[in-house]
């Protein structure tokens, strides 16, 4: 039996995936978590399941910081990212961080099952859509973006800023000082050629980094 931990802040999504996996003889749900903090607590208490299926857009510390902490503690973690974001730099960046699979929430049920089984067997899995986009980005002139120049921490700060988190809140989520957050934000402005958070948000939207539903109004 392949054990799976589901991590998604939407109960309806978790219910749908649970029903899908429970219908398979070789798959079982080991547990569920509504955010990154709950996922970290679960693994501390129960240890590693065979596969973790995790949304990247979550409240709290967020999916990227959750991945950062989980891979630091569990380098052999088999993680499949499930996200509404199918555009770079998300897939490439998260695969570099250690994700073994990447699916968009628009994928068919068969791809979810294939991804879980493939990753549990120690291999990588990308949906056809994601694989095509990554391949096209390798071609001359394909997919270059100023976002690609950001470090992992700068990317985390970018996402939190455009979601409306203040410096103090970002510092608490990333376990760094407010001064450090200010430094990262200044670097973002310089690297991306913007002068304030509004311009930063607009740039993120143009390059498909920000989910419009999560951007602070």
N, C-alpha and C. Protein backbone atom coordinates (compact mmCIF):
# COMPACT_ATOMS: atom_id res chain seq x y z
N UNK A 1 0.84 -1.20 0.00
CA UNK A 1 0.00 0.00 0.00
C UNK A 1 0.87 1.26 0.00
N UNK A 2 0.51 2.22 -0.81
CA UNK A 2 1.22 3.50 -0.87
C UNK A 2 0.48 4.49 0.02
N UNK A 3 1.16 4.99 1.05
CA UNK A 3 0.55 5.94 1.98
C UNK A 3 0.76 7.37 1.49
N UNK A 4 -0.29 8.20 1.62
CA UNK A 4 -0.26 9.55 1.08
C UNK A 4 -0.74 10.55 2.13
N UNK A 5 0.01 11.63 2.29
CA UNK A 5 -0.43 12.76 3.12
C UNK A 5 -0.93 13.86 2.19
N UNK A 6 -2.16 14.34 2.42
CA UNK A 6 -2.73 15.42 1.62
C UNK A 6 -2.58 16.73 2.36
N UNK A 7 -2.05 17.75 1.68
CA UNK A 7 -1.88 19.06 2.29
C UNK A 7 -2.52 20.10 1.38
N UNK A 8 -3.66 20.64 1.79
CA UNK A 8 -4.38 21.64 1.01
C UNK A 8 -5.31 22.38 1.95
N UNK A 9 -5.40 23.70 1.80
CA UNK A 9 -6.24 24.46 2.72
C UNK A 9 -7.73 24.40 2.38
N UNK A 10 -8.08 23.80 1.25
CA UNK A 10 -9.49 23.66 0.88
C UNK A 10 -9.97 22.25 1.19
N UNK A 11 -10.91 22.16 2.13
CA UNK A 11 -11.42 20.85 2.54
C UNK A 11 -12.06 20.10 1.38
N UNK A 12 -12.75 20.85 0.50
CA UNK A 12 -13.40 20.22 -0.64
C UNK A 12 -12.39 19.55 -1.56
N UNK A 13 -11.23 20.20 -1.77
CA UNK A 13 -10.18 19.62 -2.60
C UNK A 13 -9.65 18.35 -1.95
N UNK A 14 -9.39 18.42 -0.64
CA UNK A 14 -8.89 17.23 0.07
C UNK A 14 -9.90 16.09 -0.01
N UNK A 15 -11.18 16.42 0.13
CA UNK A 15 -12.21 15.39 0.06
C UNK A 15 -12.23 14.71 -1.30
N UNK A 16 -12.12 15.50 -2.36
CA UNK A 16 -12.11 14.95 -3.70
C UNK A 16 -10.93 14.03 -3.94
N UNK A 17 -9.74 14.48 -3.52
CA UNK A 17 -8.54 13.66 -3.70
C UNK A 17 -8.62 12.40 -2.85
N UNK A 18 -9.12 12.54 -1.62
CA UNK A 18 -9.26 11.38 -0.74
C UNK A 18 -10.18 10.33 -1.35
N UNK A 19 -11.29 10.76 -1.90
CA UNK A 19 -12.22 9.82 -2.53
C UNK A 19 -11.57 9.13 -3.73
N UNK A 20 -10.80 9.89 -4.49
CA UNK A 20 -10.11 9.35 -5.66
C UNK A 20 -9.11 8.27 -5.25
N UNK A 21 -8.30 8.58 -4.22
CA UNK A 21 -7.26 7.63 -3.81
C UNK A 21 -7.84 6.44 -3.07
N UNK A 22 -8.89 6.66 -2.26
CA UNK A 22 -9.48 5.57 -1.50
C UNK A 22 -10.12 4.52 -2.41
N UNK A 23 -10.46 4.92 -3.63
CA UNK A 23 -11.07 3.97 -4.56
C UNK A 23 -10.06 3.00 -5.18
N UNK A 24 -8.77 3.26 -4.93
CA UNK A 24 -7.70 2.43 -5.48
C UNK A 24 -7.20 1.43 -4.44
N UNK A 25 -6.99 0.18 -4.85
CA UNK A 25 -6.60 -0.87 -3.91
C UNK A 25 -5.20 -0.70 -3.34
N UNK A 26 -4.34 -0.01 -4.08
CA UNK A 26 -2.94 0.09 -3.65
C UNK A 26 -2.60 1.42 -3.00
N UNK A 27 -3.59 2.29 -2.78
CA UNK A 27 -3.34 3.61 -2.21
C UNK A 27 -4.16 3.81 -0.93
N UNK A 28 -3.60 4.52 0.03
CA UNK A 28 -4.36 4.86 1.24
C UNK A 28 -3.96 6.24 1.74
N UNK A 29 -4.89 6.94 2.36
CA UNK A 29 -4.63 8.25 2.92
C UNK A 29 -4.05 8.08 4.33
N UNK A 30 -2.83 8.52 4.51
CA UNK A 30 -2.19 8.42 5.82
C UNK A 30 -2.64 9.55 6.74
N UNK A 31 -2.96 10.71 6.15
CA UNK A 31 -3.37 11.85 6.95
C UNK A 31 -3.66 13.05 6.06
N UNK A 32 -4.17 14.10 6.70
CA UNK A 32 -4.49 15.34 5.99
C UNK A 32 -4.00 16.54 6.80
N UNK A 33 -3.68 17.61 6.10
CA UNK A 33 -3.26 18.85 6.75
C UNK A 33 -3.82 20.02 5.95
N UNK A 34 -4.23 21.08 6.67
CA UNK A 34 -4.85 22.24 6.01
C UNK A 34 -3.85 23.34 5.71
N UNK A 35 -2.61 23.20 6.19
CA UNK A 35 -1.58 24.21 5.92
C UNK A 35 -0.21 23.60 6.18
N UNK A 36 0.83 24.41 5.91
CA UNK A 36 2.19 23.92 6.08
C UNK A 36 2.53 23.57 7.51
N UNK A 37 2.05 24.36 8.45
CA UNK A 37 2.34 24.10 9.86
C UNK A 37 1.79 22.74 10.29
N UNK A 38 0.56 22.44 9.85
CA UNK A 38 -0.03 21.14 10.20
C UNK A 38 0.73 19.99 9.54
N UNK A 39 1.21 20.21 8.34
CA UNK A 39 1.98 19.17 7.64
C UNK A 39 3.28 18.88 8.38
N UNK A 40 3.96 19.94 8.81
CA UNK A 40 5.20 19.76 9.55
C UNK A 40 4.95 19.02 10.86
N UNK A 41 3.89 19.39 11.57
CA UNK A 41 3.54 18.71 12.83
C UNK A 41 3.21 17.25 12.59
N UNK A 42 2.49 16.98 11.49
CA UNK A 42 2.13 15.59 11.19
C UNK A 42 3.38 14.73 10.99
N UNK A 43 4.31 15.21 10.20
CA UNK A 43 5.51 14.43 9.91
C UNK A 43 6.37 14.25 11.15
N UNK A 44 6.41 15.25 12.02
CA UNK A 44 7.15 15.10 13.27
C UNK A 44 6.57 13.99 14.13
N UNK A 45 5.25 13.88 14.11
CA UNK A 45 4.56 12.91 14.96
C UNK A 45 4.50 11.52 14.34
N UNK A 46 4.27 11.45 13.02
CA UNK A 46 4.01 10.16 12.38
C UNK A 46 5.12 9.69 11.45
N UNK A 47 6.06 10.55 11.12
CA UNK A 47 7.10 10.17 10.19
C UNK A 47 6.65 10.31 8.75
N UNK A 48 7.51 9.89 7.83
CA UNK A 48 7.25 10.10 6.40
C UNK A 48 6.25 9.09 5.84
N UNK A 49 5.25 9.58 5.11
CA UNK A 49 4.44 8.67 4.29
C UNK A 49 5.22 8.39 3.01
N UNK A 50 4.66 7.57 2.15
CA UNK A 50 5.35 7.29 0.88
C UNK A 50 5.36 8.51 -0.03
N UNK A 51 4.26 9.28 0.00
CA UNK A 51 4.13 10.46 -0.86
C UNK A 51 3.38 11.55 -0.12
N UNK A 52 3.81 12.80 -0.32
CA UNK A 52 3.07 13.97 0.16
C UNK A 52 2.56 14.72 -1.07
N UNK A 53 1.25 14.94 -1.13
CA UNK A 53 0.65 15.74 -2.20
C UNK A 53 0.28 17.08 -1.58
N UNK A 54 0.89 18.17 -2.07
CA UNK A 54 0.75 19.46 -1.37
C UNK A 54 0.46 20.61 -2.32
N UNK A 55 -0.56 21.39 -1.96
CA UNK A 55 -0.83 22.64 -2.65
C UNK A 55 0.28 23.63 -2.29
N UNK A 56 0.65 24.49 -3.22
CA UNK A 56 1.72 25.44 -2.95
C UNK A 56 1.18 26.79 -2.48
N UNK A 57 -0.10 27.05 -2.76
CA UNK A 57 -0.71 28.32 -2.36
C UNK A 57 -1.57 28.10 -1.12
N UNK A 58 -0.98 28.36 0.05
CA UNK A 58 -1.68 28.12 1.30
C UNK A 58 -1.46 29.28 2.25
N UNK A 59 -2.38 29.48 3.20
CA UNK A 59 -2.17 30.51 4.22
C UNK A 59 -1.08 30.08 5.20
N UNK A 60 -0.77 30.95 6.14
CA UNK A 60 0.28 30.64 7.11
C UNK A 60 1.65 30.87 6.51
N UNK A 61 2.57 29.95 6.73
CA UNK A 61 3.93 30.13 6.23
C UNK A 61 4.01 29.92 4.72
N UNK A 62 2.97 29.32 4.12
CA UNK A 62 2.95 29.15 2.67
C UNK A 62 3.65 27.89 2.21
N UNK A 63 3.39 27.51 0.97
CA UNK A 63 3.92 26.26 0.45
C UNK A 63 5.42 26.25 0.23
N UNK A 64 5.98 27.36 -0.23
CA UNK A 64 7.42 27.38 -0.51
C UNK A 64 8.23 27.27 0.78
N UNK A 65 7.84 28.01 1.82
CA UNK A 65 8.55 27.91 3.09
C UNK A 65 8.34 26.53 3.71
N UNK A 66 7.14 25.96 3.53
CA UNK A 66 6.90 24.60 4.02
C UNK A 66 7.85 23.62 3.34
N UNK A 67 8.00 23.75 2.02
CA UNK A 67 8.93 22.87 1.31
C UNK A 67 10.35 23.05 1.82
N UNK A 68 10.74 24.30 2.01
CA UNK A 68 12.09 24.59 2.50
C UNK A 68 12.35 23.87 3.82
N UNK A 69 11.40 23.94 4.74
CA UNK A 69 11.59 23.31 6.06
C UNK A 69 11.51 21.79 5.98
N UNK A 70 10.59 21.29 5.17
CA UNK A 70 10.44 19.83 5.08
C UNK A 70 11.66 19.17 4.44
N UNK A 71 12.17 19.74 3.37
CA UNK A 71 13.33 19.13 2.73
C UNK A 71 14.59 19.26 3.57
N UNK A 72 14.64 20.30 4.40
CA UNK A 72 15.77 20.42 5.33
C UNK A 72 15.72 19.30 6.36
N UNK A 73 14.53 18.98 6.84
CA UNK A 73 14.38 17.94 7.86
C UNK A 73 14.31 16.53 7.27
N UNK A 74 13.73 16.42 6.06
CA UNK A 74 13.52 15.10 5.43
C UNK A 74 13.98 15.14 3.98
N UNK A 75 15.28 15.01 3.75
CA UNK A 75 15.82 15.12 2.38
C UNK A 75 15.24 14.09 1.40
N UNK A 76 14.76 12.96 1.92
CA UNK A 76 14.25 11.90 1.05
C UNK A 76 12.74 11.99 0.85
N UNK A 77 12.14 13.09 1.24
CA UNK A 77 10.71 13.28 1.10
C UNK A 77 10.28 13.18 -0.37
N UNK A 78 9.23 12.40 -0.62
CA UNK A 78 8.64 12.30 -1.96
C UNK A 78 7.45 13.24 -2.02
N UNK A 79 7.61 14.39 -2.66
CA UNK A 79 6.58 15.41 -2.66
C UNK A 79 6.08 15.70 -4.07
N UNK A 80 4.76 15.70 -4.22
CA UNK A 80 4.12 16.09 -5.47
C UNK A 80 3.43 17.42 -5.24
N UNK A 81 3.82 18.43 -6.00
CA UNK A 81 3.20 19.74 -5.90
C UNK A 81 1.89 19.73 -6.69
N UNK A 82 0.84 20.26 -6.07
CA UNK A 82 -0.45 20.42 -6.74
C UNK A 82 -0.78 21.91 -6.67
N UNK A 83 -0.88 22.55 -7.82
CA UNK A 83 -1.01 24.01 -7.81
C UNK A 83 -1.90 24.51 -8.94
N UNK A 84 -2.47 25.69 -8.73
CA UNK A 84 -3.17 26.37 -9.83
C UNK A 84 -2.17 27.01 -10.77
N UNK A 85 -0.91 27.14 -10.32
CA UNK A 85 0.12 27.81 -11.10
C UNK A 85 0.84 26.80 -11.99
N UNK A 86 0.70 26.99 -13.31
CA UNK A 86 1.40 26.11 -14.23
C UNK A 86 2.49 26.82 -15.01
N UNK A 87 2.65 28.12 -14.75
CA UNK A 87 3.65 28.90 -15.48
C UNK A 87 4.95 28.99 -14.70
N UNK A 88 6.05 29.11 -15.46
CA UNK A 88 7.33 29.36 -14.81
C UNK A 88 7.27 30.74 -14.15
N UNK A 89 8.05 30.95 -13.06
CA UNK A 89 9.12 30.07 -12.60
C UNK A 89 8.69 29.01 -11.59
N UNK A 90 7.40 28.87 -11.34
CA UNK A 90 6.96 27.91 -10.32
C UNK A 90 7.46 26.49 -10.55
N UNK A 91 7.10 25.82 -11.65
CA UNK A 91 7.52 24.42 -11.79
C UNK A 91 9.03 24.22 -11.69
N UNK A 92 9.79 24.98 -12.46
CA UNK A 92 11.24 24.82 -12.46
C UNK A 92 11.83 25.08 -11.08
N UNK A 93 11.37 26.15 -10.42
CA UNK A 93 11.91 26.50 -9.11
C UNK A 93 11.60 25.43 -8.06
N UNK A 94 10.38 24.92 -8.05
CA UNK A 94 9.98 23.94 -7.04
C UNK A 94 10.60 22.57 -7.30
N UNK A 95 10.81 22.24 -8.56
CA UNK A 95 11.52 21.00 -8.88
C UNK A 95 12.98 21.10 -8.44
N UNK A 96 13.58 22.27 -8.60
CA UNK A 96 14.95 22.48 -8.13
C UNK A 96 15.04 22.35 -6.62
N UNK A 97 13.99 22.76 -5.91
CA UNK A 97 13.96 22.67 -4.46
C UNK A 97 13.87 21.22 -3.98
N UNK A 98 13.39 20.32 -4.83
CA UNK A 98 13.31 18.93 -4.43
C UNK A 98 12.01 18.22 -4.72
N UNK A 99 11.00 18.94 -5.22
CA UNK A 99 9.73 18.29 -5.55
C UNK A 99 9.97 17.18 -6.58
N UNK A 100 9.32 16.05 -6.38
CA UNK A 100 9.47 14.91 -7.30
C UNK A 100 8.41 14.91 -8.39
N UNK A 101 7.34 15.68 -8.19
CA UNK A 101 6.29 15.74 -9.18
C UNK A 101 5.60 17.08 -9.16
N UNK A 102 4.96 17.42 -10.26
CA UNK A 102 4.25 18.71 -10.35
C UNK A 102 3.00 18.52 -11.20
N UNK A 103 1.85 18.87 -10.60
CA UNK A 103 0.57 18.79 -11.28
C UNK A 103 -0.17 20.11 -11.12
N UNK A 104 -0.96 20.46 -12.11
CA UNK A 104 -1.86 21.59 -11.95
C UNK A 104 -3.22 21.05 -11.51
N UNK A 105 -4.02 21.91 -10.89
CA UNK A 105 -5.31 21.47 -10.37
C UNK A 105 -6.32 21.20 -11.49
N UNK A 106 -5.93 21.51 -12.70
CA UNK A 106 -6.79 21.19 -13.83
C UNK A 106 -6.49 19.84 -14.46
N UNK A 107 -5.58 19.08 -13.86
CA UNK A 107 -5.19 17.80 -14.45
C UNK A 107 -6.30 16.76 -14.25
N UNK A 108 -6.38 15.76 -15.14
CA UNK A 108 -7.37 14.70 -14.98
C UNK A 108 -7.01 13.79 -13.81
N UNK A 109 -8.00 13.07 -13.30
CA UNK A 109 -7.78 12.18 -12.15
C UNK A 109 -6.72 11.14 -12.45
N UNK A 110 -6.66 10.68 -13.68
CA UNK A 110 -5.68 9.64 -14.03
C UNK A 110 -4.25 10.12 -13.83
N UNK A 111 -4.01 11.43 -14.07
CA UNK A 111 -2.66 11.96 -13.86
C UNK A 111 -2.30 12.01 -12.38
N UNK A 112 -3.27 12.33 -11.54
CA UNK A 112 -3.01 12.33 -10.09
C UNK A 112 -2.59 10.93 -9.63
N UNK A 113 -3.31 9.92 -10.06
CA UNK A 113 -2.98 8.54 -9.69
C UNK A 113 -1.61 8.14 -10.23
N UNK A 114 -1.35 8.50 -11.48
CA UNK A 114 -0.06 8.16 -12.09
C UNK A 114 1.09 8.85 -11.36
N UNK A 115 0.88 10.11 -10.98
CA UNK A 115 1.92 10.86 -10.29
C UNK A 115 2.25 10.23 -8.94
N UNK A 116 1.24 9.89 -8.17
CA UNK A 116 1.46 9.29 -6.85
C UNK A 116 2.22 7.97 -6.98
N UNK A 117 1.80 7.13 -7.89
CA UNK A 117 2.46 5.83 -8.05
C UNK A 117 3.88 5.98 -8.58
N UNK A 118 4.07 6.89 -9.52
CA UNK A 118 5.41 7.08 -10.10
C UNK A 118 6.39 7.62 -9.07
N UNK A 119 5.96 8.63 -8.32
CA UNK A 119 6.84 9.23 -7.31
C UNK A 119 7.11 8.25 -6.17
N UNK A 120 6.11 7.47 -5.78
CA UNK A 120 6.31 6.46 -4.74
C UNK A 120 7.35 5.43 -5.16
N UNK A 121 7.46 5.20 -6.47
CA UNK A 121 8.43 4.24 -7.00
C UNK A 121 9.82 4.84 -7.15
N UNK A 122 9.98 6.11 -6.75
CA UNK A 122 11.29 6.74 -6.78
C UNK A 122 11.60 7.49 -8.06
N UNK A 123 10.60 7.72 -8.89
CA UNK A 123 10.81 8.43 -10.15
C UNK A 123 10.11 9.79 -10.10
N UNK A 124 10.39 10.62 -11.08
CA UNK A 124 9.77 11.94 -11.17
C UNK A 124 8.55 11.88 -12.09
N UNK A 125 7.62 12.81 -11.84
CA UNK A 125 6.44 12.87 -12.70
C UNK A 125 6.05 14.32 -12.94
N UNK A 126 5.90 14.65 -14.23
CA UNK A 126 5.39 15.95 -14.64
C UNK A 126 4.18 15.74 -15.53
N UNK A 127 3.15 16.55 -15.34
CA UNK A 127 2.03 16.48 -16.26
C UNK A 127 2.52 16.86 -17.65
N UNK A 128 1.81 16.42 -18.67
CA UNK A 128 2.22 16.71 -20.05
C UNK A 128 2.30 18.22 -20.28
N UNK A 129 1.36 18.97 -19.70
CA UNK A 129 1.34 20.42 -19.87
C UNK A 129 2.59 21.06 -19.29
N UNK A 130 2.96 20.66 -18.08
CA UNK A 130 4.14 21.23 -17.43
C UNK A 130 5.42 20.83 -18.17
N UNK A 131 5.50 19.56 -18.57
CA UNK A 131 6.70 19.10 -19.28
C UNK A 131 6.90 19.87 -20.57
N UNK A 132 5.81 20.15 -21.29
CA UNK A 132 5.92 20.90 -22.54
C UNK A 132 6.41 22.33 -22.28
N UNK A 133 5.86 22.97 -21.25
CA UNK A 133 6.27 24.34 -20.96
C UNK A 133 7.73 24.41 -20.55
N UNK A 134 8.19 23.46 -19.76
CA UNK A 134 9.59 23.45 -19.36
C UNK A 134 10.50 23.23 -20.57
N UNK A 135 10.07 22.35 -21.47
CA UNK A 135 10.87 22.09 -22.67
C UNK A 135 10.94 23.32 -23.57
N UNK A 136 9.82 24.01 -23.72
CA UNK A 136 9.79 25.20 -24.56
C UNK A 136 10.66 26.31 -23.98
N UNK A 137 10.72 26.38 -22.67
CA UNK A 137 11.53 27.42 -22.03
C UNK A 137 13.03 27.22 -22.25
N UNK A 138 13.41 25.99 -22.62
CA UNK A 138 14.81 25.72 -22.88
C UNK A 138 15.24 26.17 -24.27
N UNK A 139 14.25 26.44 -25.13
CA UNK A 139 14.57 26.87 -26.49
C UNK A 139 15.02 28.33 -26.49
N UNK A 140 15.83 28.75 -27.47
CA UNK A 140 16.28 30.15 -27.53
C UNK A 140 15.11 31.12 -27.54
N UNK A 141 15.17 32.08 -26.64
CA UNK A 141 14.12 33.09 -26.55
C UNK A 141 12.85 32.63 -25.89
N UNK A 142 12.86 31.44 -25.33
CA UNK A 142 11.64 30.91 -24.74
C UNK A 142 11.58 31.10 -23.24
N UNK A 143 10.60 31.86 -22.78
CA UNK A 143 10.27 31.89 -21.37
C UNK A 143 11.20 32.64 -20.45
N UNK A 144 12.16 33.42 -20.96
CA UNK A 144 13.04 34.16 -20.07
C UNK A 144 12.23 35.21 -19.32
N UNK A 145 12.49 35.32 -18.02
CA UNK A 145 11.74 36.23 -17.17
C UNK A 145 12.67 36.81 -16.12
N UNK A 146 12.46 38.07 -15.72
CA UNK A 146 13.30 38.63 -14.65
C UNK A 146 13.11 37.89 -13.34
N UNK A 147 11.99 37.20 -13.18
CA UNK A 147 11.73 36.44 -11.96
C UNK A 147 12.75 35.31 -11.81
N UNK A 148 13.26 34.81 -12.94
CA UNK A 148 14.22 33.70 -12.90
C UNK A 148 15.49 34.06 -12.14
N UNK A 149 15.80 35.36 -12.05
CA UNK A 149 17.05 35.78 -11.39
C UNK A 149 16.92 35.81 -9.87
N UNK A 150 15.72 35.62 -9.34
CA UNK A 150 15.51 35.73 -7.91
C UNK A 150 16.01 34.48 -7.18
N UNK A 151 16.53 34.70 -5.98
CA UNK A 151 16.89 33.57 -5.13
C UNK A 151 15.63 32.98 -4.53
N UNK A 152 15.78 31.83 -3.87
CA UNK A 152 14.62 31.19 -3.24
C UNK A 152 13.99 32.10 -2.20
N UNK A 153 14.82 32.74 -1.35
CA UNK A 153 14.30 33.61 -0.31
C UNK A 153 13.63 34.85 -0.92
N UNK A 154 14.23 35.41 -1.95
CA UNK A 154 13.63 36.57 -2.61
C UNK A 154 12.27 36.21 -3.20
N UNK A 155 12.18 34.99 -3.74
CA UNK A 155 10.91 34.53 -4.29
C UNK A 155 9.86 34.42 -3.19
N UNK A 156 10.26 33.89 -2.03
CA UNK A 156 9.33 33.77 -0.91
C UNK A 156 8.83 35.15 -0.48
N UNK A 157 9.75 36.09 -0.35
CA UNK A 157 9.37 37.44 0.07
C UNK A 157 8.45 38.07 -0.96
N UNK A 158 8.75 37.88 -2.24
CA UNK A 158 7.90 38.41 -3.31
C UNK A 158 6.46 37.93 -3.16
N UNK A 159 6.29 36.63 -2.99
CA UNK A 159 4.95 36.06 -2.89
C UNK A 159 4.21 36.57 -1.67
N UNK A 160 4.91 36.71 -0.56
CA UNK A 160 4.26 37.19 0.66
C UNK A 160 3.90 38.67 0.56
N UNK A 161 4.75 39.45 -0.07
CA UNK A 161 4.47 40.88 -0.24
C UNK A 161 3.22 41.08 -1.08
N UNK A 162 3.12 40.37 -2.20
CA UNK A 162 1.99 40.59 -3.09
C UNK A 162 0.70 40.01 -2.52
N UNK A 163 0.82 39.13 -1.52
CA UNK A 163 -0.38 38.64 -0.83
C UNK A 163 -0.82 39.60 0.27
N UNK A 164 -0.02 40.65 0.51
CA UNK A 164 -0.41 41.66 1.48
C UNK A 164 0.22 41.53 2.85
N UNK A 165 1.17 40.64 3.03
CA UNK A 165 1.83 40.49 4.33
C UNK A 165 2.78 41.66 4.59
N UNK A 166 2.77 42.17 5.82
CA UNK A 166 3.68 43.24 6.20
C UNK A 166 5.05 42.69 6.56
N UNK A 167 6.01 43.59 6.75
CA UNK A 167 7.38 43.18 7.04
C UNK A 167 7.46 42.33 8.31
N UNK A 168 6.76 42.75 9.37
CA UNK A 168 6.80 42.00 10.62
C UNK A 168 6.23 40.59 10.44
N UNK A 169 5.12 40.50 9.71
CA UNK A 169 4.49 39.20 9.48
C UNK A 169 5.38 38.30 8.65
N UNK A 170 6.00 38.86 7.62
CA UNK A 170 6.92 38.07 6.78
C UNK A 170 8.09 37.57 7.61
N UNK A 171 8.62 38.44 8.46
CA UNK A 171 9.75 38.06 9.31
C UNK A 171 9.39 36.87 10.21
N UNK A 172 8.18 36.89 10.76
CA UNK A 172 7.74 35.80 11.62
C UNK A 172 7.57 34.51 10.84
N UNK A 173 7.00 34.59 9.65
CA UNK A 173 6.77 33.39 8.85
C UNK A 173 8.07 32.75 8.39
N UNK A 174 9.06 33.59 8.06
CA UNK A 174 10.33 33.06 7.53
C UNK A 174 11.40 32.91 8.60
N UNK A 175 11.05 33.28 9.83
CA UNK A 175 11.99 33.16 10.96
C UNK A 175 13.27 33.96 10.71
N UNK A 176 13.11 35.19 10.25
CA UNK A 176 14.23 36.10 10.06
C UNK A 176 13.86 37.44 10.70
N UNK A 177 14.80 38.37 10.74
CA UNK A 177 14.52 39.66 11.34
C UNK A 177 13.80 40.58 10.34
N UNK A 178 13.04 41.56 10.84
CA UNK A 178 12.40 42.54 9.95
C UNK A 178 13.42 43.26 9.07
N UNK A 179 14.60 43.52 9.62
CA UNK A 179 15.65 44.18 8.84
C UNK A 179 16.05 43.33 7.64
N UNK A 180 16.14 42.02 7.86
CA UNK A 180 16.50 41.12 6.77
C UNK A 180 15.42 41.13 5.69
N UNK A 181 14.16 41.14 6.12
CA UNK A 181 13.05 41.20 5.15
C UNK A 181 13.14 42.48 4.33
N UNK A 182 13.45 43.60 5.00
CA UNK A 182 13.60 44.87 4.30
C UNK A 182 14.70 44.82 3.26
N UNK A 183 15.78 44.12 3.60
CA UNK A 183 16.89 43.97 2.65
C UNK A 183 16.46 43.17 1.44
N UNK A 184 15.74 42.07 1.68
CA UNK A 184 15.26 41.26 0.56
C UNK A 184 14.32 42.05 -0.33
N UNK A 185 13.44 42.85 0.26
CA UNK A 185 12.49 43.61 -0.53
C UNK A 185 13.23 44.66 -1.38
N UNK A 186 14.27 45.28 -0.81
CA UNK A 186 15.06 46.24 -1.56
C UNK A 186 15.74 45.57 -2.75
N UNK A 187 16.24 44.34 -2.53
CA UNK A 187 16.86 43.59 -3.62
C UNK A 187 15.84 43.27 -4.72
N UNK A 188 14.61 42.95 -4.30
CA UNK A 188 13.55 42.69 -5.28
C UNK A 188 13.32 43.91 -6.16
N UNK A 189 13.22 45.07 -5.52
CA UNK A 189 13.00 46.30 -6.28
C UNK A 189 14.12 46.51 -7.29
N UNK A 190 15.37 46.30 -6.86
CA UNK A 190 16.52 46.53 -7.74
C UNK A 190 16.54 45.53 -8.89
N UNK A 191 16.38 44.24 -8.58
CA UNK A 191 16.47 43.21 -9.61
C UNK A 191 15.34 43.30 -10.63
N UNK A 192 14.15 43.70 -10.16
CA UNK A 192 12.99 43.69 -11.03
C UNK A 192 12.67 45.07 -11.60
N UNK A 193 13.44 46.08 -11.20
CA UNK A 193 13.26 47.42 -11.76
C UNK A 193 11.96 48.08 -11.37
N UNK A 194 11.53 47.88 -10.12
CA UNK A 194 10.30 48.51 -9.62
C UNK A 194 10.65 49.38 -8.41
N UNK A 195 9.71 50.23 -8.02
CA UNK A 195 10.00 51.15 -6.92
C UNK A 195 9.04 51.03 -5.75
N UNK A 196 8.00 50.19 -5.88
CA UNK A 196 7.08 50.02 -4.76
C UNK A 196 6.34 48.69 -4.90
N UNK A 197 5.53 48.36 -3.89
CA UNK A 197 4.85 47.07 -3.87
C UNK A 197 3.78 46.96 -4.95
N UNK A 198 3.17 48.07 -5.31
CA UNK A 198 2.15 48.03 -6.36
C UNK A 198 2.77 47.62 -7.70
N UNK A 199 3.90 48.23 -8.03
CA UNK A 199 4.60 47.88 -9.28
C UNK A 199 5.09 46.43 -9.21
N UNK A 200 5.52 46.02 -8.04
CA UNK A 200 6.00 44.65 -7.84
C UNK A 200 4.86 43.66 -8.13
N UNK A 201 3.68 43.96 -7.63
CA UNK A 201 2.52 43.10 -7.83
C UNK A 201 2.12 43.03 -9.30
N UNK A 202 2.10 44.18 -9.96
CA UNK A 202 1.75 44.21 -11.38
C UNK A 202 2.73 43.39 -12.21
N UNK A 203 4.01 43.49 -11.88
CA UNK A 203 5.01 42.72 -12.60
C UNK A 203 4.80 41.22 -12.38
N UNK A 204 4.52 40.84 -11.14
CA UNK A 204 4.29 39.42 -10.82
C UNK A 204 3.09 38.88 -11.58
N UNK A 205 2.04 39.69 -11.70
CA UNK A 205 0.85 39.27 -12.44
C UNK A 205 1.16 39.10 -13.92
N UNK A 206 1.95 40.03 -14.47
CA UNK A 206 2.29 39.96 -15.90
C UNK A 206 3.06 38.70 -16.25
N UNK A 207 3.89 38.26 -15.31
CA UNK A 207 4.73 37.09 -15.57
C UNK A 207 4.13 35.81 -15.03
N UNK A 208 2.86 35.85 -14.64
CA UNK A 208 2.17 34.64 -14.23
C UNK A 208 2.62 34.05 -12.91
N UNK A 209 3.30 34.88 -12.10
CA UNK A 209 3.78 34.39 -10.80
C UNK A 209 2.70 34.47 -9.76
N UNK A 210 1.92 35.55 -9.77
CA UNK A 210 0.91 35.77 -8.75
C UNK A 210 -0.42 35.19 -9.17
N UNK A 211 -1.09 34.56 -8.21
CA UNK A 211 -2.46 34.11 -8.41
C UNK A 211 -3.38 35.31 -8.14
N UNK A 212 -4.13 35.78 -9.14
CA UNK A 212 -4.98 36.96 -8.93
C UNK A 212 -5.91 36.83 -7.74
N UNK A 213 -6.32 35.60 -7.41
CA UNK A 213 -7.24 35.41 -6.28
C UNK A 213 -6.55 35.60 -4.94
N UNK A 214 -5.20 35.53 -4.93
CA UNK A 214 -4.47 35.66 -3.67
C UNK A 214 -3.83 37.02 -3.50
N UNK A 215 -3.84 37.82 -4.55
CA UNK A 215 -3.22 39.14 -4.47
C UNK A 215 -4.06 40.04 -3.58
N UNK A 216 -3.37 40.80 -2.70
CA UNK A 216 -4.06 41.68 -1.78
C UNK A 216 -4.81 42.75 -2.57
N UNK A 217 -6.03 43.01 -2.17
CA UNK A 217 -6.84 44.04 -2.84
C UNK A 217 -6.56 45.41 -2.25
